[in-house]
Amino acid sequence: MEKKKKSVGKVIANVIFYLVALLVIVFSIFSIIAKQNFGVAKVFGYSPIVVLSDSMHGNQEDSFNKGDLIVIKSVKDTSTLAEGDIITFYDMSIIDNKKVPNSHRIIDVIETSNGLFFQTQGDNALTNPRPDQVLVKDSDVIGQYVFNIKGAGTILSKLQTPLGFFLVVVLPAVIFLIYEIFLFMRIIILEKMKKKPAIVDSKEAENAELKKQLEELKKTVEEKKD
């Protein structure tokens, strides 16, 4: 029973280790891709986006809040986008003409001789009472909203900090590695202990055999004297 418990414990520990390792790999891949793509990591056409403001807080079924994690998908044909859709786009009006991902709802689709544009607005009537001042050009559309995970953005944001990454990813991996080294050393010590009795028994057998031969030799010598 005790052996079975240890076996189950080892399986659980291995599962945790591989999950942590997978998390490290996924996190590293997303971080590298995001740095190369203005903060947006796109894998197989889908991107996770951390919600950093409450501009989309509202009573719509697909409204979301600060701290949520939304998932968007690439849009091959922007002409399929319609009023009511939520899109993530590069917004250069937020931080000194830098490309920053922003997610708002389309309230109007505008076709011009210069291309297709979208009028957007946040769902939050308090922070976004009016439509966005700058129209979104179709080439600036990153993707269309698919779904959101409540509160997951906060966790991911903390993971992106050095301390959060260390506590959640690095530290558990180090602890598990130390545990595996301990188990490995324990197996080696037990194997050595198992071999010791065999060596002792072998030596005892040799001594007994040698003693027997000496006694026989002594007996033979005494018989010859007689």
C-alpha atoms as a PDB file:
ATOM      1  CA  MET A   1       0.000   0.000   0.000  1.00  0.00           C
ATOM      2  CA  GLU A   2       2.834   2.353   0.954  1.00  0.00           C
ATOM      3  CA  LYS A   3       4.632   1.512  -2.286  1.00  0.00           C
ATOM      4  CA  LYS A   4       1.480   2.293  -4.279  1.00  0.00           C
ATOM      5  CA  LYS A   5       1.139   5.687  -2.566  1.00  0.00           C
ATOM      6  CA  LYS A   6       4.741   6.542  -3.441  1.00  0.00           C
ATOM      7  CA  SER A   7       4.143   5.522  -7.050  1.00  0.00           C
ATOM      8  CA  VAL A   8       1.031   7.721  -7.300  1.00  0.00           C
ATOM      9  CA  GLY A   9       2.926  10.608  -5.686  1.00  0.00           C
ATOM     10  CA  LYS A  10       5.722  10.279  -8.230  1.00  0.00           C
ATOM     11  CA  VAL A  11       3.250  10.280 -11.132  1.00  0.00           C
ATOM     12  CA  ILE A  12       1.591  13.444  -9.789  1.00  0.00           C
ATOM     13  CA  ALA A  13       4.997  15.108  -9.336  1.00  0.00           C
ATOM     14  CA  ASN A  14       5.969  14.203 -12.915  1.00  0.00           C
ATOM     15  CA  VAL A  15       2.706  15.595 -14.277  1.00  0.00           C
ATOM     16  CA  ILE A  16       3.250  18.867 -12.379  1.00  0.00           C
ATOM     17  CA  PHE A  17       6.822  19.104 -13.664  1.00  0.00           C
ATOM     18  CA  TYR A  18       5.853  18.571 -17.297  1.00  0.00           C
ATOM     19  CA  LEU A  19       3.000  21.060 -16.988  1.00  0.00           C
ATOM     20  CA  VAL A  20       5.426  23.647 -15.602  1.00  0.00           C
ATOM     21  CA  ALA A  21       7.909  22.849 -18.377  1.00  0.00           C
ATOM     22  CA  LEU A  22       5.141  23.222 -20.978  1.00  0.00           C
ATOM     23  CA  LEU A  23       4.131  26.539 -19.399  1.00  0.00           C
ATOM     24  CA  VAL A  24       7.721  27.780 -19.618  1.00  0.00           C
ATOM     25  CA  ILE A  25       7.964  26.793 -23.305  1.00  0.00           C
ATOM     26  CA  VAL A  26       4.588  28.326 -24.239  1.00  0.00           C
ATOM     27  CA  PHE A  27       5.291  31.483 -22.249  1.00  0.00           C
ATOM     28  CA  SER A  28       8.724  31.868 -23.870  1.00  0.00           C
ATOM     29  CA  ILE A  29       7.330  31.370 -27.380  1.00  0.00           C
ATOM     30  CA  PHE A  30       4.516  33.873 -26.836  1.00  0.00           C
ATOM     31  CA  SER A  31       6.918  36.418 -25.318  1.00  0.00           C
ATOM     32  CA  ILE A  32       9.323  36.187 -28.270  1.00  0.00           C
ATOM     33  CA  ILE A  33       6.523  36.461 -30.839  1.00  0.00           C
ATOM     34  CA  ALA A  34       4.870  39.349 -28.970  1.00  0.00           C
ATOM     35  CA  LYS A  35       8.106  41.363 -28.899  1.00  0.00           C
ATOM     36  CA  GLN A  36       8.435  41.000 -32.648  1.00  0.00           C
ATOM     37  CA  ASN A  37       4.812  41.961 -33.328  1.00  0.00           C
ATOM     38  CA  PHE A  38       4.080  45.099 -31.265  1.00  0.00           C
ATOM     39  CA  GLY A  39       2.929  43.172 -28.199  1.00  0.00           C
ATOM     40  CA  VAL A  40       0.663  40.697 -30.027  1.00  0.00           C
ATOM     41  CA  ALA A  41       1.570  37.007 -30.060  1.00  0.00           C
ATOM     42  CA  LYS A  42      -0.131  35.259 -32.960  1.00  0.00           C
ATOM     43  CA  VAL A  43      -0.108  31.441 -33.084  1.00  0.00           C
ATOM     44  CA  PHE A  44      -2.116  29.518 -35.692  1.00  0.00           C
ATOM     45  CA  GLY A  45      -4.116  32.670 -36.392  1.00  0.00           C
ATOM     46  CA  TYR A  46      -5.174  33.219 -32.764  1.00  0.00           C
ATOM     47  CA  SER A  47      -3.838  35.731 -30.250  1.00  0.00           C
ATOM     48  CA  PRO A  48      -4.347  36.174 -26.487  1.00  0.00           C
ATOM     49  CA  ILE A  49      -4.740  39.812 -25.453  1.00  0.00           C
ATOM     50  CA  VAL A  50      -4.611  41.052 -21.858  1.00  0.00           C
ATOM     51  CA  VAL A  51      -7.323  43.665 -21.193  1.00  0.00           C
ATOM     52  CA  LEU A  52      -5.664  46.690 -19.563  1.00  0.00           C
ATOM     53  CA  SER A  53      -8.640  49.036 -19.210  1.00  0.00           C
ATOM     54  CA  ASP A  54     -12.385  49.039 -18.503  1.00  0.00           C
ATOM     55  CA  SER A  55     -13.309  50.681 -21.807  1.00  0.00           C
ATOM     56  CA  MET A  56     -15.229  47.528 -22.841  1.00  0.00           C
ATOM     57  CA  HIS A  57     -17.062  47.092 -19.538  1.00  0.00           C
ATOM     58  CA  GLY A  58     -20.767  46.958 -20.352  1.00  0.00           C
ATOM     59  CA  ASN A  59     -23.997  44.984 -20.408  1.00  0.00           C
ATOM     60  CA  GLN A  60     -23.470  43.337 -23.792  1.00  0.00           C
ATOM     61  CA  GLU A  61     -23.122  39.561 -23.825  1.00  0.00           C
ATOM     62  CA  ASP A  62     -19.558  39.821 -25.153  1.00  0.00           C
ATOM     63  CA  SER A  63     -18.455  42.816 -23.056  1.00  0.00           C
ATOM     64  CA  PHE A  64     -15.365  42.265 -20.935  1.00  0.00           C
ATOM     65  CA  ASN A  65     -13.471  43.901 -18.082  1.00  0.00           C
ATOM     66  CA  LYS A  66      -9.999  44.984 -17.103  1.00  0.00           C
ATOM     67  CA  GLY A  67      -7.955  41.935 -16.088  1.00  0.00           C
ATOM     68  CA  ASP A  68      -9.736  39.572 -18.472  1.00  0.00           C
ATOM     69  CA  LEU A  69      -7.925  37.695 -21.233  1.00  0.00           C
ATOM     70  CA  ILE A  70      -9.549  37.899 -24.656  1.00  0.00           C
ATOM     71  CA  VAL A  71      -8.737  35.652 -27.585  1.00  0.00           C
ATOM     72  CA  ILE A  72      -8.928  37.048 -31.096  1.00  0.00           C
ATOM     73  CA  LYS A  73      -8.593  35.440 -34.506  1.00  0.00           C
ATOM     74  CA  SER A  74      -7.036  36.837 -37.649  1.00  0.00           C
ATOM     75  CA  VAL A  75      -9.399  38.290 -40.240  1.00  0.00           C
ATOM     76  CA  LYS A  76      -8.442  37.390 -43.797  1.00  0.00           C
ATOM     77  CA  ASP A  77     -11.193  39.487 -45.348  1.00  0.00           C
ATOM     78  CA  THR A  78     -12.000  42.660 -43.381  1.00  0.00           C
ATOM     79  CA  SER A  79     -15.052  43.275 -45.570  1.00  0.00           C
ATOM     80  CA  THR A  80     -16.782  40.507 -43.604  1.00  0.00           C
ATOM     81  CA  LEU A  81     -16.623  42.628 -40.436  1.00  0.00           C
ATOM     82  CA  ALA A  82     -19.887  44.317 -39.523  1.00  0.00           C
ATOM     83  CA  GLU A  83     -21.424  46.697 -37.026  1.00  0.00           C
ATOM     84  CA  GLY A  84     -21.492  45.115 -33.583  1.00  0.00           C
ATOM     85  CA  ASP A  85     -18.316  43.056 -34.031  1.00  0.00           C
ATOM     86  CA  ILE A  86     -15.467  43.610 -31.596  1.00  0.00           C
ATOM     87  CA  ILE A  87     -12.084  44.073 -33.225  1.00  0.00           C
ATOM     88  CA  THR A  88      -8.553  44.483 -31.917  1.00  0.00           C
ATOM     89  CA  PHE A  89      -6.562  47.045 -33.859  1.00  0.00           C
ATOM     90  CA  TYR A  90      -3.377  49.074 -33.705  1.00  0.00           C
ATOM     91  CA  ASP A  91      -4.212  52.371 -32.040  1.00  0.00           C
ATOM     92  CA  MET A  92      -1.572  55.110 -32.363  1.00  0.00           C
ATOM     93  CA  SER A  93      -3.537  57.663 -30.343  1.00  0.00           C
ATOM     94  CA  ILE A  94      -2.918  56.061 -26.938  1.00  0.00           C
ATOM     95  CA  ILE A  95       0.873  56.358 -26.447  1.00  0.00           C
ATOM     96  CA  ASP A  96       2.841  58.928 -28.486  1.00  0.00           C
ATOM     97  CA  ASN A  97       2.072  57.572 -31.958  1.00  0.00           C
ATOM     98  CA  LYS A  98       3.198  54.069 -31.000  1.00  0.00           C
ATOM     99  CA  LYS A  99       1.361  50.990 -32.216  1.00  0.00           C
ATOM    100  CA  VAL A 100      -0.658  49.741 -29.238  1.00  0.00           C
ATOM    101  CA  PRO A 101      -3.324  46.992 -29.430  1.00  0.00           C
ATOM    102  CA  ASN A 102      -6.807  48.279 -28.572  1.00  0.00           C
ATOM    103  CA  SER A 103     -10.120  46.410 -28.594  1.00  0.00           C
ATOM    104  CA  HIS A 104     -13.422  48.195 -29.254  1.00  0.00           C
ATOM    105  CA  ARG A 105     -16.753  47.512 -30.895  1.00  0.00           C
ATOM    106  CA  ILE A 106     -17.515  48.496 -34.480  1.00  0.00           C
ATOM    107  CA  ILE A 107     -20.387  50.986 -34.584  1.00  0.00           C
ATOM    108  CA  ASP A 108     -20.107  51.872 -38.269  1.00  0.00           C
ATOM    109  CA  VAL A 109     -18.412  50.578 -41.425  1.00  0.00           C
ATOM    110  CA  ILE A 110     -17.240  53.307 -43.805  1.00  0.00           C
ATOM    111  CA  GLU A 111     -16.234  52.617 -47.397  1.00  0.00           C
ATOM    112  CA  THR A 112     -14.183  55.342 -49.085  1.00  0.00           C
ATOM    113  CA  SER A 113     -12.054  55.736 -52.192  1.00  0.00           C
ATOM    114  CA  ASN A 114      -9.028  55.313 -49.894  1.00  0.00           C
ATOM    115  CA  GLY A 115     -10.218  51.969 -48.583  1.00  0.00           C
ATOM    116  CA  LEU A 116     -12.329  50.501 -45.805  1.00  0.00           C
ATOM    117  CA  PHE A 117     -12.536  52.179 -42.388  1.00  0.00           C
ATOM    118  CA  PHE A 118     -14.264  51.293 -39.124  1.00  0.00           C
ATOM    119  CA  GLN A 119     -15.771  53.639 -36.558  1.00  0.00           C
ATOM    120  CA  THR A 120     -15.254  52.115 -33.126  1.00  0.00           C
ATOM    121  CA  GLN A 121     -16.328  52.790 -29.551  1.00  0.00           C
ATOM    122  CA  GLY A 122     -15.881  51.164 -26.141  1.00  0.00           C
ATOM    123  CA  ASP A 123     -18.923  49.678 -24.388  1.00  0.00           C
ATOM    124  CA  ASN A 124     -18.300  51.651 -21.189  1.00  0.00           C
ATOM    125  CA  ALA A 125     -20.617  54.676 -21.303  1.00  0.00           C
ATOM    126  CA  LEU A 126     -18.677  56.402 -18.512  1.00  0.00           C
ATOM    127  CA  THR A 127     -15.165  56.191 -19.947  1.00  0.00           C
ATOM    128  CA  ASN A 128     -16.151  56.101 -23.630  1.00  0.00           C
ATOM    129  CA  PRO A 129     -19.310  58.201 -24.034  1.00  0.00           C
ATOM    130  CA  ARG A 130     -18.395  59.122 -27.614  1.00  0.00           C
ATOM    131  CA  PRO A 131     -17.021  57.198 -30.615  1.00  0.00           C
ATOM    132  CA  ASP A 132     -13.244  56.976 -30.979  1.00  0.00           C
ATOM    133  CA  GLN A 133     -11.815  60.083 -32.635  1.00  0.00           C
ATOM    134  CA  VAL A 134      -9.652  58.174 -35.111  1.00  0.00           C
ATOM    135  CA  LEU A 135     -11.157  55.828 -37.699  1.00  0.00           C
ATOM    136  CA  VAL A 136      -9.591  52.378 -37.910  1.00  0.00           C
ATOM    137  CA  LYS A 137      -8.139  51.533 -41.317  1.00  0.00           C
ATOM    138  CA  ASP A 138      -8.709  47.935 -42.365  1.00  0.00           C
ATOM    139  CA  SER A 139      -4.939  47.347 -42.573  1.00  0.00           C
ATOM    140  CA  ASP A 140      -4.651  48.177 -38.853  1.00  0.00           C
ATOM    141  CA  VAL A 141      -7.092  45.432 -37.817  1.00  0.00           C
ATOM    142  CA  ILE A 142      -5.243  42.702 -35.892  1.00  0.00           C
ATOM    143  CA  GLY A 143      -8.153  40.355 -35.353  1.00  0.00           C
ATOM    144  CA  GLN A 144     -11.758  39.767 -34.341  1.00  0.00           C
ATOM    145  CA  TYR A 145     -12.900  38.928 -30.812  1.00  0.00           C
ATOM    146  CA  VAL A 146     -13.731  35.239 -30.214  1.00  0.00           C
ATOM    147  CA  PHE A 147     -14.127  34.788 -26.452  1.00  0.00           C
ATOM    148  CA  ASN A 148     -12.745  35.920 -23.108  1.00  0.00           C
ATOM    149  CA  ILE A 149     -11.488  34.258 -19.922  1.00  0.00           C
ATOM    150  CA  LYS A 150     -12.470  36.171 -16.801  1.00  0.00           C
ATOM    151  CA  GLY A 151      -9.502  37.294 -14.690  1.00  0.00           C
ATOM    152  CA  ALA A 152      -6.910  35.334 -16.696  1.00  0.00           C
ATOM    153  CA  GLY A 153      -5.312  38.524 -17.967  1.00  0.00           C
ATOM    154  CA  THR A 154      -4.336  39.535 -14.429  1.00  0.00           C
ATOM    155  CA  ILE A 155      -2.592  36.179 -13.906  1.00  0.00           C
ATOM    156  CA  LEU A 156      -0.774  36.443 -17.236  1.00  0.00           C
ATOM    157  CA  SER A 157       0.295  40.025 -16.462  1.00  0.00           C
ATOM    158  CA  LYS A 158       1.802  38.876 -13.163  1.00  0.00           C
ATOM    159  CA  LEU A 159       3.565  36.028 -14.948  1.00  0.00           C
ATOM    160  CA  GLN A 160       5.176  38.564 -17.251  1.00  0.00           C
ATOM    161  CA  THR A 161       6.902  40.253 -14.309  1.00  0.00           C
ATOM    162  CA  PRO A 162      10.308  38.836 -13.236  1.00  0.00           C
ATOM    163  CA  LEU A 163       9.032  38.056  -9.717  1.00  0.00           C
ATOM    164  CA  GLY A 164       5.824  36.419 -10.943  1.00  0.00           C
ATOM    165  CA  PHE A 165       7.668  34.281 -13.489  1.00  0.00           C
ATOM    166  CA  PHE A 166      10.167  33.199 -10.820  1.00  0.00           C
ATOM    167  CA  LEU A 167       7.510  32.280  -8.221  1.00  0.00           C
ATOM    168  CA  VAL A 168       5.081  30.524 -10.553  1.00  0.00           C
ATOM    169  CA  VAL A 169       7.413  28.908 -13.101  1.00  0.00           C
ATOM    170  CA  VAL A 170      11.088  28.871 -12.099  1.00  0.00           C
ATOM    171  CA  LEU A 171      10.757  28.062  -8.373  1.00  0.00           C
ATOM    172  CA  PRO A 172       8.442  25.006  -8.807  1.00  0.00           C
ATOM    173  CA  ALA A 173      10.740  23.709 -11.567  1.00  0.00           C
ATOM    174  CA  VAL A 174      13.827  24.038  -9.316  1.00  0.00           C
ATOM    175  CA  ILE A 175      12.047  22.351  -6.382  1.00  0.00           C
ATOM    176  CA  PHE A 176      10.972  19.448  -8.581  1.00  0.00           C
ATOM    177  CA  LEU A 177      14.494  19.106 -10.015  1.00  0.00           C
ATOM    178  CA  ILE A 178      15.955  18.919  -6.495  1.00  0.00           C
ATOM    179  CA  TYR A 179      13.318  16.320  -5.595  1.00  0.00           C
ATOM    180  CA  GLU A 180      14.220  14.206  -8.645  1.00  0.00           C
ATOM    181  CA  ILE A 181      17.947  14.396  -7.769  1.00  0.00           C
ATOM    182  CA  PHE A 182      17.091  13.274  -4.217  1.00  0.00           C
ATOM    183  CA  LEU A 183      15.129  10.278  -5.539  1.00  0.00           C
ATOM    184  CA  PHE A 184      17.959   9.364  -7.921  1.00  0.00           C
ATOM    185  CA  MET A 185      20.570   9.478  -5.132  1.00  0.00           C
ATOM    186  CA  ARG A 186      18.266   7.445  -2.879  1.00  0.00           C
ATOM    187  CA  ILE A 187      17.977   4.708  -5.523  1.00  0.00           C
ATOM    188  CA  ILE A 188      21.776   4.571  -5.900  1.00  0.00           C
ATOM    189  CA  ILE A 189      22.282   4.279  -2.105  1.00  0.00           C
ATOM    190  CA  LEU A 190      19.640   1.528  -1.827  1.00  0.00           C
ATOM    191  CA  GLU A 191      21.249  -0.427  -4.679  1.00  0.00           C
ATOM    192  CA  LYS A 192      24.631  -0.228  -2.947  1.00  0.00           C
ATOM    193  CA  MET A 193      23.080  -1.405   0.321  1.00  0.00           C
ATOM    194  CA  LYS A 194      21.517  -4.378  -1.472  1.00  0.00           C
ATOM    195  CA  LYS A 195      24.883  -5.399  -2.919  1.00  0.00           C
ATOM    196  CA  LYS A 196      26.690  -5.281   0.463  1.00  0.00           C
ATOM    197  CA  PRO A 197      25.030  -8.404   2.002  1.00  0.00           C
ATOM    198  CA  ALA A 198      25.794 -10.332  -1.192  1.00  0.00           C
ATOM    199  CA  ILE A 199      29.480  -9.395  -0.938  1.00  0.00           C
ATOM    200  CA  VAL A 200      29.571 -10.349   2.775  1.00  0.00           C
ATOM    201  CA  ASP A 201      27.857 -13.686   2.087  1.00  0.00           C
ATOM    202  CA  SER A 202      30.338 -14.397  -0.711  1.00  0.00           C
ATOM    203  CA  LYS A 203      33.324 -13.730   1.540  1.00  0.00           C
ATOM    204  CA  GLU A 204      31.859 -15.863   4.322  1.00  0.00           C
ATOM    205  CA  ALA A 205      31.345 -18.708   1.863  1.00  0.00           C
ATOM    206  CA  GLU A 206      34.959 -18.407   0.686  1.00  0.00           C
ATOM    207  CA  ASN A 207      36.236 -18.428   4.273  1.00  0.00           C
ATOM    208  CA  ALA A 208      34.119 -21.472   5.104  1.00  0.00           C
ATOM    209  CA  GLU A 209      35.398 -23.289   2.028  1.00  0.00           C
ATOM    210  CA  LEU A 210      39.006 -22.401   2.880  1.00  0.00           C
ATOM    211  CA  LYS A 211      38.493 -23.551   6.479  1.00  0.00           C
ATOM    212  CA  LYS A 212      37.040 -26.826   5.242  1.00  0.00           C
ATOM    213  CA  GLN A 213      40.012 -27.403   2.932  1.00  0.00           C
ATOM    214  CA  LEU A 214      42.452 -26.665   5.777  1.00  0.00           C
ATOM    215  CA  GLU A 215      40.658 -29.151   8.033  1.00  0.00           C
ATOM    216  CA  GLU A 216      40.767 -31.813   5.314  1.00  0.00           C
ATOM    217  CA  LEU A 217      44.449 -31.142   4.725  1.00  0.00           C
ATOM    218  CA  LYS A 218      45.153 -31.359   8.457  1.00  0.00           C
ATOM    219  CA  LYS A 219      43.232 -34.635   8.679  1.00  0.00           C
ATOM    220  CA  THR A 220      45.190 -36.055   5.739  1.00  0.00           C
ATOM    221  CA  VAL A 221      48.519 -35.109   7.321  1.00  0.00           C
ATOM    222  CA  GLU A 222      47.527 -36.731  10.644  1.00  0.00           C
ATOM    223  CA  GLU A 223      46.475 -39.955   8.882  1.00  0.00           C
ATOM    224  CA  LYS A 224      49.851 -40.174   7.152  1.00  0.00           C
ATOM    225  CA  LYS A 225      51.648 -39.788  10.489  1.00  0.00           C
ATOM    226  CA  ASP A 226      49.683 -42.686  11.913  1.00  0.00           C
END
